[in-house]
Amino acid sequence: SESAPPNIIFIMADDMGYGDLRCYGQTTIQTPNID
């Protein structure tokens, strides 16, 4: 599997802070799918 080239998706938000996701410490904004 490591040598079989994968499809690649690169998602980038714009001006989103380091702490804006629950999985990076956010406590108010809901981000269940990214978490």
Full PDB file with SEQRES, HELIX, SHEET, SSBOND, CRYST1, ORIGX, SCALE, CONECT and MASTER records, all heavy atoms in Angstrom:
SEQRES   1 A   35  SER GLU SER ALA PRO PRO ASN ILE ILE PHE ILE MET ALA          
SEQRES   2 A   35  ASP ASP MET GLY TYR GLY ASP LEU ARG CYS TYR GLY GLN          
SEQRES   3 A   35  THR THR ILE GLN THR PRO ASN ILE ASP                          
HELIX    1 AA1 ARG A   22  TYR A   24  5                                   3    
CRYST1    1.000    1.000    1.000  90.00  90.00  90.00 P 1           1          
ORIGX1      1.000000  0.000000  0.000000        0.00000                         
ORIGX2      0.000000  1.000000  0.000000        0.00000                         
ORIGX3      0.000000  0.000000  1.000000        0.00000                         
SCALE1      1.000000  0.000000  0.000000        0.00000                         
SCALE2      0.000000  1.000000  0.000000        0.00000                         
SCALE3      0.000000  0.000000  1.000000        0.00000                         
ATOM      1  N   SER A   1       0.820  -1.214   0.000  1.00  0.00           N  
ATOM      2  CA  SER A   1       0.000   0.000   0.000  1.00  0.00           C  
ATOM      3  C   SER A   1       0.850   1.258   0.000  1.00  0.00           C  
ATOM      4  O   SER A   1       0.439   2.286  -0.517  1.00  0.00           O  
ATOM      5  CB  SER A   1      -0.926  -0.001   1.219  1.00  0.00           C  
ATOM      6  OG  SER A   1      -0.181  -0.012   2.415  1.00  0.00           O  
ATOM      7  N   GLU A   2       2.035   1.190   0.609  1.00  0.00           N  
ATOM      8  CA  GLU A   2       2.857   2.382   0.693  1.00  0.00           C  
ATOM      9  C   GLU A   2       3.422   2.775  -0.666  1.00  0.00           C  
ATOM     10  O   GLU A   2       3.735   3.928  -0.902  1.00  0.00           O  
ATOM     11  CB  GLU A   2       3.988   2.171   1.712  1.00  0.00           C  
ATOM     12  CG  GLU A   2       3.476   2.073   3.141  1.00  0.00           C  
ATOM     13  CD  GLU A   2       4.582   1.907   4.149  1.00  0.00           C  
ATOM     14  OE1 GLU A   2       5.753   2.066   3.749  1.00  0.00           O  
ATOM     15  OE2 GLU A   2       4.294   1.632   5.317  1.00  0.00           O  
ATOM     16  N   SER A   3       3.600   1.830  -1.587  1.00  0.00           N  
ATOM     17  CA  SER A   3       4.165   2.165  -2.887  1.00  0.00           C  
ATOM     18  C   SER A   3       3.093   2.390  -3.937  1.00  0.00           C  
ATOM     19  O   SER A   3       3.392   2.837  -5.041  1.00  0.00           O  
ATOM     20  CB  SER A   3       5.117   1.056  -3.351  1.00  0.00           C  
ATOM     21  OG  SER A   3       4.400  -0.141  -3.579  1.00  0.00           O  
ATOM     22  N   ALA A   4       1.856   2.054  -3.642  1.00  0.00           N  
ATOM     23  CA  ALA A   4       0.771   2.307  -4.579  1.00  0.00           C  
ATOM     24  C   ALA A   4       0.384   3.780  -4.465  1.00  0.00           C  
ATOM     25  O   ALA A   4      -0.112   4.212  -3.432  1.00  0.00           O  
ATOM     26  CB  ALA A   4      -0.423   1.420  -4.264  1.00  0.00           C  
ATOM     27  N   PRO A   5       0.602   4.567  -5.505  1.00  0.00           N  
ATOM     28  CA  PRO A   5       0.355   6.006  -5.383  1.00  0.00           C  
ATOM     29  C   PRO A   5      -1.111   6.301  -5.071  1.00  0.00           C  
ATOM     30  O   PRO A   5      -2.010   5.771  -5.729  1.00  0.00           O  
ATOM     31  CB  PRO A   5       0.739   6.550  -6.767  1.00  0.00           C  
ATOM     32  CG  PRO A   5       1.637   5.516  -7.346  1.00  0.00           C  
ATOM     33  CD  PRO A   5       1.147   4.211  -6.820  1.00  0.00           C  
ATOM     34  N   PRO A   6      -1.369   7.119  -4.079  1.00  0.00           N  
ATOM     35  CA  PRO A   6      -2.754   7.416  -3.707  1.00  0.00           C  
ATOM     36  C   PRO A   6      -3.330   8.571  -4.519  1.00  0.00           C  
ATOM     37  O   PRO A   6      -2.607   9.362  -5.130  1.00  0.00           O  
ATOM     38  CB  PRO A   6      -2.616   7.838  -2.244  1.00  0.00           C  
ATOM     39  CG  PRO A   6      -1.282   8.544  -2.211  1.00  0.00           C  
ATOM     40  CD  PRO A   6      -0.403   7.771  -3.172  1.00  0.00           C  
ATOM     41  N   ASN A   7      -4.642   8.677  -4.532  1.00  0.00           N  
ATOM     42  CA  ASN A   7      -5.261   9.942  -4.868  1.00  0.00           C  
ATOM     43  C   ASN A   7      -4.891  10.937  -3.774  1.00  0.00           C  
ATOM     44  O   ASN A   7      -4.674  10.556  -2.616  1.00  0.00           O  
ATOM     45  CB  ASN A   7      -6.782   9.808  -4.922  1.00  0.00           C  
ATOM     46  CG  ASN A   7      -7.236   8.755  -5.896  1.00  0.00           C  
ATOM     47  OD1 ASN A   7      -6.756   8.691  -7.025  1.00  0.00           O  
ATOM     48  ND2 ASN A   7      -8.170   7.914  -5.462  1.00  0.00           N  
ATOM     49  N   ILE A   8      -4.850  12.221  -4.128  1.00  0.00           N  
ATOM     50  CA  ILE A   8      -4.422  13.243  -3.169  1.00  0.00           C  
ATOM     51  C   ILE A   8      -5.438  14.373  -3.151  1.00  0.00           C  
ATOM     52  O   ILE A   8      -5.780  14.928  -4.200  1.00  0.00           O  
ATOM     53  CB  ILE A   8      -3.030  13.796  -3.524  1.00  0.00           C  
ATOM     54  CG1 ILE A   8      -1.981  12.677  -3.549  1.00  0.00           C  
ATOM     55  CG2 ILE A   8      -2.621  14.885  -2.538  1.00  0.00           C  
ATOM     56  CD1 ILE A   8      -0.659  13.092  -4.165  1.00  0.00           C  
ATOM     57  N   ILE A   9      -5.924  14.713  -1.962  1.00  0.00           N  
ATOM     58  CA  ILE A   9      -6.772  15.889  -1.771  1.00  0.00           C  
ATOM     59  C   ILE A   9      -6.086  16.789  -0.743  1.00  0.00           C  
ATOM     60  O   ILE A   9      -5.735  16.335   0.347  1.00  0.00           O  
ATOM     61  CB  ILE A   9      -8.183  15.517  -1.290  1.00  0.00           C  
ATOM     62  CG1 ILE A   9      -8.871  14.589  -2.297  1.00  0.00           C  
ATOM     63  CG2 ILE A   9      -9.025  16.773  -1.067  1.00  0.00           C  
ATOM     64  CD1 ILE A   9     -10.248  14.123  -1.846  1.00  0.00           C  
ATOM     65  N   PHE A  10      -5.909  18.056  -1.110  1.00  0.00           N  
ATOM     66  CA  PHE A  10      -5.275  19.012  -0.200  1.00  0.00           C  
ATOM     67  C   PHE A  10      -6.263  20.144   0.051  1.00  0.00           C  
ATOM     68  O   PHE A  10      -6.555  20.939  -0.837  1.00  0.00           O  
ATOM     69  CB  PHE A  10      -3.977  19.558  -0.796  1.00  0.00           C  
ATOM     70  CG  PHE A  10      -3.071  20.219   0.204  1.00  0.00           C  
ATOM     71  CD1 PHE A  10      -2.017  19.517   0.769  1.00  0.00           C  
ATOM     72  CD2 PHE A  10      -3.284  21.536   0.598  1.00  0.00           C  
ATOM     73  CE1 PHE A  10      -1.178  20.122   1.705  1.00  0.00           C  
ATOM     74  CE2 PHE A  10      -2.457  22.140   1.527  1.00  0.00           C  
ATOM     75  CZ  PHE A  10      -1.396  21.436   2.080  1.00  0.00           C  
ATOM     76  N   ILE A  11      -6.819  20.183   1.273  1.00  0.00           N  
ATOM     77  CA  ILE A  11      -7.831  21.171   1.655  1.00  0.00           C  
ATOM     78  C   ILE A  11      -7.169  22.257   2.499  1.00  0.00           C  
ATOM     79  O   ILE A  11      -6.459  21.954   3.468  1.00  0.00           O  
ATOM     80  CB  ILE A  11      -8.960  20.520   2.474  1.00  0.00           C  
ATOM     81  CG1 ILE A  11      -9.554  19.321   1.727  1.00  0.00           C  
ATOM     82  CG2 ILE A  11     -10.050  21.545   2.795  1.00  0.00           C  
ATOM     83  CD1 ILE A  11     -10.475  18.470   2.587  1.00  0.00           C  
ATOM     84  N   MET A  12      -7.415  23.506   2.149  1.00  0.00           N  
ATOM     85  CA  MET A  12      -6.808  24.614   2.885  1.00  0.00           C  
ATOM     86  C   MET A  12      -7.849  25.680   3.197  1.00  0.00           C  
ATOM     87  O   MET A  12      -8.485  26.217   2.291  1.00  0.00           O  
ATOM     88  CB  MET A  12      -5.662  25.221   2.085  1.00  0.00           C  
ATOM     89  CG  MET A  12      -4.861  26.266   2.847  1.00  0.00           C  
ATOM     90  SD  MET A  12      -3.294  26.637   2.031  1.00  0.00           S  
ATOM     91  CE  MET A  12      -3.883  27.487   0.557  1.00  0.00           C  
ATOM     92  N   ALA A  13      -8.028  25.975   4.474  1.00  0.00           N  
ATOM     93  CA  ALA A  13      -8.893  27.076   4.896  1.00  0.00           C  
ATOM     94  C   ALA A  13      -8.152  28.395   4.721  1.00  0.00           C  
ATOM     95  O   ALA A  13      -6.934  28.425   4.520  1.00  0.00           O  
ATOM     96  CB  ALA A  13      -9.319  26.879   6.347  1.00  0.00           C  
ATOM     97  N   ASP A  14      -8.866  29.492   4.821  1.00  0.00           N  
ATOM     98  CA  ASP A  14      -8.293  30.822   4.616  1.00  0.00           C  
ATOM     99  C   ASP A  14      -8.408  31.630   5.906  1.00  0.00           C  
ATOM    100  O   ASP A  14      -9.512  31.951   6.356  1.00  0.00           O  
ATOM    101  CB  ASP A  14      -9.050  31.520   3.480  1.00  0.00           C  
ATOM    102  CG  ASP A  14      -8.346  32.753   2.952  1.00  0.00           C  
ATOM    103  OD1 ASP A  14      -7.452  33.267   3.639  1.00  0.00           O  
ATOM    104  OD2 ASP A  14      -8.695  33.203   1.854  1.00  0.00           O  
ATOM    105  N   ASP A  15      -7.263  31.939   6.513  1.00  0.00           N  
ATOM    106  CA  ASP A  15      -7.213  32.731   7.747  1.00  0.00           C  
ATOM    107  C   ASP A  15      -7.804  32.008   8.958  1.00  0.00           C  
ATOM    108  O   ASP A  15      -8.226  32.658   9.919  1.00  0.00           O  
ATOM    109  CB  ASP A  15      -7.925  34.081   7.578  1.00  0.00           C  
ATOM    110  CG  ASP A  15      -7.122  35.091   6.778  1.00  0.00           C  
ATOM    111  OD1 ASP A  15      -6.067  34.719   6.246  1.00  0.00           O  
ATOM    112  OD2 ASP A  15      -7.562  36.253   6.674  1.00  0.00           O  
ATOM    113  N   MET A  16      -7.851  30.712   8.939  1.00  0.00           N  
ATOM    114  CA  MET A  16      -8.316  29.966  10.105  1.00  0.00           C  
ATOM    115  C   MET A  16      -7.169  29.810  11.092  1.00  0.00           C  
ATOM    116  O   MET A  16      -6.063  29.434  10.710  1.00  0.00           O  
ATOM    117  CB  MET A  16      -8.836  28.589   9.695  1.00  0.00           C  
ATOM    118  CG  MET A  16      -9.539  27.848  10.828  1.00  0.00           C  
ATOM    119  SD  MET A  16      -9.997  26.170  10.354  1.00  0.00           S  
ATOM    120  CE  MET A  16      -8.376  25.410  10.344  1.00  0.00           C  
ATOM    121  N   GLY A  17      -7.417  30.100  12.348  1.00  0.00           N  
ATOM    122  CA  GLY A  17      -6.360  30.072  13.345  1.00  0.00           C  
ATOM    123  C   GLY A  17      -6.000  28.681  13.830  1.00  0.00           C  
ATOM    124  O   GLY A  17      -6.764  27.727  13.660  1.00  0.00           O  
ATOM    125  N   TYR A  18      -4.844  28.593  14.457  1.00  0.00           N  
ATOM    126  CA  TYR A  18      -4.351  27.330  15.001  1.00  0.00           C  
ATOM    127  C   TYR A  18      -5.322  26.739  16.010  1.00  0.00           C  
ATOM    128  O   TYR A  18      -5.437  25.519  16.135  1.00  0.00           O  
ATOM    129  CB  TYR A  18      -2.993  27.571  15.653  1.00  0.00           C  
ATOM    130  CG  TYR A  18      -2.295  26.331  16.168  1.00  0.00           C  
ATOM    131  CD1 TYR A  18      -1.573  25.514  15.310  1.00  0.00           C  
ATOM    132  CD2 TYR A  18      -2.345  25.997  17.514  1.00  0.00           C  
ATOM    133  CE1 TYR A  18      -0.921  24.379  15.781  1.00  0.00           C  
ATOM    134  CE2 TYR A  18      -1.697  24.869  17.999  1.00  0.00           C  
ATOM    135  CZ  TYR A  18      -0.987  24.066  17.124  1.00  0.00           C  
ATOM    136  OH  TYR A  18      -0.340  22.945  17.600  1.00  0.00           O  
ATOM    137  N   GLY A  19      -6.042  27.597  16.715  1.00  0.00           N  
ATOM    138  CA  GLY A  19      -6.941  27.121  17.762  1.00  0.00           C  
ATOM    139  C   GLY A  19      -8.401  27.093  17.380  1.00  0.00           C  
ATOM    140  O   GLY A  19      -9.270  27.004  18.262  1.00  0.00           O  
ATOM    141  N   ASP A  20      -8.727  27.172  16.078  1.00  0.00           N  
ATOM    142  CA  ASP A  20     -10.120  27.260  15.660  1.00  0.00           C  
ATOM    143  C   ASP A  20     -10.822  25.910  15.521  1.00  0.00           C  
ATOM    144  O   ASP A  20     -12.017  25.872  15.227  1.00  0.00           O  
ATOM    145  CB  ASP A  20     -10.232  28.016  14.328  1.00  0.00           C  
ATOM    146  CG  ASP A  20     -10.377  29.522  14.513  1.00  0.00           C  
ATOM    147  OD1 ASP A  20     -10.919  29.927  15.557  1.00  0.00           O  
ATOM    148  OD2 ASP A  20      -9.951  30.277  13.623  1.00  0.00           O  
ATOM    149  N   LEU A  21     -10.112  24.812  15.708  1.00  0.00           N  
ATOM    150  CA  LEU A  21     -10.707  23.477  15.612  1.00  0.00           C  
ATOM    151  C   LEU A  21     -10.779  22.831  16.979  1.00  0.00           C  
ATOM    152  O   LEU A  21      -9.883  23.021  17.822  1.00  0.00           O  
ATOM    153  CB  LEU A  21      -9.878  22.591  14.675  1.00  0.00           C  
ATOM    154  CG  LEU A  21      -9.688  23.067  13.233  1.00  0.00           C  
ATOM    155  CD1 LEU A  21      -8.744  22.123  12.494  1.00  0.00           C  
ATOM    156  CD2 LEU A  21     -11.032  23.159  12.513  1.00  0.00           C  
ATOM    157  N   ARG A  22     -11.803  22.032  17.201  1.00  0.00           N  
ATOM    158  CA  ARG A  22     -11.936  21.333  18.492  1.00  0.00           C  
ATOM    159  C   ARG A  22     -10.708  20.468  18.774  1.00  0.00           C  
ATOM    160  O   ARG A  22     -10.234  20.382  19.910  1.00  0.00           O  
ATOM    161  CB  ARG A  22     -13.201  20.463  18.490  1.00  0.00           C  
ATOM    162  CG  ARG A  22     -14.508  21.239  18.571  1.00  0.00           C  
ATOM    163  CD  ARG A  22     -14.723  21.839  19.956  1.00  0.00           C  
ATOM    164  NE  ARG A  22     -15.966  22.593  20.044  1.00  0.00           N  
ATOM    165  CZ  ARG A  22     -17.040  22.191  20.686  1.00  0.00           C  
ATOM    166  NH1 ARG A  22     -17.065  21.010  21.277  1.00  0.00           N  
ATOM    167  NH2 ARG A  22     -18.115  22.959  20.743  1.00  0.00           N  
ATOM    168  N   CYS A  23     -10.211  19.807  17.724  1.00  0.00           N  
ATOM    169  CA  CYS A  23      -9.075  18.904  17.932  1.00  0.00           C  
ATOM    170  C   CYS A  23      -7.777  19.659  18.210  1.00  0.00           C  
ATOM    171  O   CYS A  23      -6.748  19.046  18.516  1.00  0.00           O  
ATOM    172  CB  CYS A  23      -8.904  17.962  16.742  1.00  0.00           C  
ATOM    173  SG  CYS A  23      -8.821  18.768  15.137  1.00  0.00           S  
ATOM    174  N   TYR A  24      -7.796  20.993  18.126  1.00  0.00           N  
ATOM    175  CA  TYR A  24      -6.646  21.827  18.503  1.00  0.00           C  
ATOM    176  C   TYR A  24      -6.986  22.734  19.679  1.00  0.00           C  
ATOM    177  O   TYR A  24      -6.332  23.746  19.889  1.00  0.00           O  
ATOM    178  CB  TYR A  24      -6.173  22.656  17.309  1.00  0.00           C  
ATOM    179  CG  TYR A  24      -5.339  21.865  16.331  1.00  0.00           C  
ATOM    180  CD1 TYR A  24      -5.937  21.111  15.330  1.00  0.00           C  
ATOM    181  CD2 TYR A  24      -3.942  21.844  16.412  1.00  0.00           C  
ATOM    182  CE1 TYR A  24      -5.184  20.370  14.429  1.00  0.00           C  
ATOM    183  CE2 TYR A  24      -3.177  21.113  15.522  1.00  0.00           C  
ATOM    184  CZ  TYR A  24      -3.802  20.378  14.538  1.00  0.00           C  
ATOM    185  OH  TYR A  24      -3.033  19.639  13.650  1.00  0.00           O  
ATOM    186  N   GLY A  25      -8.027  22.390  20.431  1.00  0.00           N  
ATOM    187  CA  GLY A  25      -8.302  23.098  21.661  1.00  0.00           C  
ATOM    188  C   GLY A  25      -9.513  23.998  21.666  1.00  0.00           C  
ATOM    189  O   GLY A  25      -9.867  24.559  22.709  1.00  0.00           O  
ATOM    190  N   GLN A  26     -10.176  24.177  20.525  1.00  0.00           N  
ATOM    191  CA  GLN A  26     -11.377  25.011  20.463  1.00  0.00           C  
ATOM    192  C   GLN A  26     -12.480  24.405  21.337  1.00  0.00           C  
ATOM    193  O   GLN A  26     -12.685  23.199  21.361  1.00  0.00           O  
ATOM    194  CB  GLN A  26     -11.861  25.119  19.019  1.00  0.00           C  
ATOM    195  CG  GLN A  26     -13.110  25.911  18.802  1.00  0.00           C  
ATOM    196  CD  GLN A  26     -12.993  27.350  19.261  1.00  0.00           C  
ATOM    197  OE1 GLN A  26     -13.904  27.883  19.879  1.00  0.00           O  
ATOM    198  NE2 GLN A  26     -11.862  27.986  18.970  1.00  0.00           N  
ATOM    199  N   THR A  27     -13.198  25.258  22.033  1.00  0.00           N  
ATOM    200  CA  THR A  27     -14.265  24.769  22.911  1.00  0.00           C  
ATOM    201  C   THR A  27     -15.647  25.255  22.501  1.00  0.00           C  
ATOM    202  O   THR A  27     -16.650  24.792  23.060  1.00  0.00           O  
ATOM    203  CB  THR A  27     -14.006  25.198  24.363  1.00  0.00           C  
ATOM    204  OG1 THR A  27     -13.944  26.636  24.427  1.00  0.00           O  
ATOM    205  CG2 THR A  27     -12.694  24.615  24.888  1.00  0.00           C  
ATOM    206  N   THR A  28     -15.725  26.166  21.532  1.00  0.00           N  
ATOM    207  CA  THR A  28     -17.003  26.780  21.196  1.00  0.00           C  
ATOM    208  C   THR A  28     -17.482  26.413  19.798  1.00  0.00           C  
ATOM    209  O   THR A  28     -18.644  26.040  19.601  1.00  0.00           O  
ATOM    210  CB  THR A  28     -16.894  28.316  21.313  1.00  0.00           C  
ATOM    211  OG1 THR A  28     -16.475  28.655  22.637  1.00  0.00           O  
ATOM    212  CG2 THR A  28     -18.228  28.979  21.013  1.00  0.00           C  
ATOM    213  N   ILE A  29     -16.618  26.512  18.810  1.00  0.00           N  
ATOM    214  CA  ILE A  29     -16.988  26.252  17.418  1.00  0.00           C  
ATOM    215  C   ILE A  29     -17.068  24.738  17.186  1.00  0.00           C  
ATOM    216  O   ILE A  29     -16.181  23.987  17.608  1.00  0.00           O  
ATOM    217  CB  ILE A  29     -15.973  26.888  16.451  1.00  0.00           C  
ATOM    218  CG1 ILE A  29     -15.889  28.401  16.689  1.00  0.00           C  
ATOM    219  CG2 ILE A  29     -16.368  26.612  15.000  1.00  0.00           C  
ATOM    220  CD1 ILE A  29     -14.792  29.091  15.908  1.00  0.00           C  
ATOM    221  N   GLN A  30     -18.117  24.317  16.505  1.00  0.00           N  
ATOM    222  CA  GLN A  30     -18.336  22.892  16.261  1.00  0.00           C  
ATOM    223  C   GLN A  30     -17.642  22.448  14.961  1.00  0.00           C  
ATOM    224  O   GLN A  30     -17.921  22.991  13.895  1.00  0.00           O  
ATOM    225  CB  GLN A  30     -19.833  22.607  16.170  1.00  0.00           C  
ATOM    226  CG  GLN A  30     -20.607  22.982  17.423  1.00  0.00           C  
ATOM    227  CD  GLN A  30     -22.102  22.866  17.232  1.00  0.00           C  
ATOM    228  OE1 GLN A  30     -22.581  22.050  16.436  1.00  0.00           O  
ATOM    229  NE2 GLN A  30     -22.866  23.674  17.964  1.00  0.00           N  
ATOM    230  N   THR A  31     -16.763  21.453  15.071  1.00  0.00           N  
ATOM    231  CA  THR A  31     -16.062  20.923  13.894  1.00  0.00           C  
ATOM    232  C   THR A  31     -16.014  19.386  13.957  1.00  0.00           C  
ATOM    233  O   THR A  31     -14.939  18.783  13.955  1.00  0.00           O  
ATOM    234  CB  THR A  31     -14.637  21.499  13.803  1.00  0.00           C  
ATOM    235  OG1 THR A  31     -13.932  21.253  15.048  1.00  0.00           O  
ATOM    236  CG2 THR A  31     -14.655  22.982  13.520  1.00  0.00           C  
ATOM    237  N   PRO A  32     -17.148  18.716  13.999  1.00  0.00           N  
ATOM    238  CA  PRO A  32     -17.148  17.265  14.224  1.00  0.00           C  
ATOM    239  C   PRO A  32     -16.482  16.462  13.111  1.00  0.00           C  
ATOM    240  O   PRO A  32     -15.845  15.439  13.390  1.00  0.00           O  
ATOM    241  CB  PRO A  32     -18.642  16.931  14.330  1.00  0.00           C  
ATOM    242  CG  PRO A  32     -19.347  18.037  13.597  1.00  0.00           C  
ATOM    243  CD  PRO A  32     -18.532  19.262  13.876  1.00  0.00           C  
ATOM    244  N   ASN A  33     -16.610  16.879  11.858  1.00  0.00           N  
ATOM    245  CA  ASN A  33     -16.046  16.091  10.764  1.00  0.00           C  
ATOM    246  C   ASN A  33     -14.525  16.200  10.706  1.00  0.00           C  
ATOM    247  O   ASN A  33     -13.832  15.203  10.471  1.00  0.00           O  
ATOM    248  CB  ASN A  33     -16.665  16.539   9.437  1.00  0.00           C  
ATOM    249  CG  ASN A  33     -18.136  16.203   9.356  1.00  0.00           C  
ATOM    250  OD1 ASN A  33     -18.529  15.051   9.354  1.00  0.00           O  
ATOM    251  ND2 ASN A  33     -18.977  17.232   9.321  1.00  0.00           N  
ATOM    252  N   ILE A  34     -14.010  17.405  10.932  1.00  0.00           N  
ATOM    253  CA  ILE A  34     -12.554  17.571  10.948  1.00  0.00           C  
ATOM    254  C   ILE A  34     -11.968  16.894  12.179  1.00  0.00           C  
ATOM    255  O   ILE A  34     -10.894  16.284  12.130  1.00  0.00           O  
ATOM    256  CB  ILE A  34     -12.182  19.061  10.876  1.00  0.00           C  
ATOM    257  CG1 ILE A  34     -12.698  19.661   9.569  1.00  0.00           C  
ATOM    258  CG2 ILE A  34     -10.675  19.243  10.969  1.00  0.00           C  
ATOM    259  CD1 ILE A  34     -12.575  21.175   9.487  1.00  0.00           C  
ATOM    260  N   ASP A  35     -12.686  16.957  13.297  1.00  0.00           N  
ATOM    261  CA  ASP A  35     -12.224  16.242  14.495  1.00  0.00           C  
ATOM    262  C   ASP A  35     -12.189  14.738  14.251  1.00  0.00           C  
ATOM    263  O   ASP A  35     -11.271  14.040  14.699  1.00  0.00           O  
ATOM    264  CB  ASP A  35     -13.142  16.553  15.675  1.00  0.00           C  
ATOM    265  CG  ASP A  35     -13.155  18.030  16.036  1.00  0.00           C  
ATOM    266  OD1 ASP A  35     -12.208  18.740  15.654  1.00  0.00           O  
ATOM    267  OD2 ASP A  35     -14.121  18.477  16.680  1.00  0.00           O  
TER     268      ASP A  35                                                      
MASTER        0    0    0    1    0    0    0    6  267    1    0    3          
END                                                                             
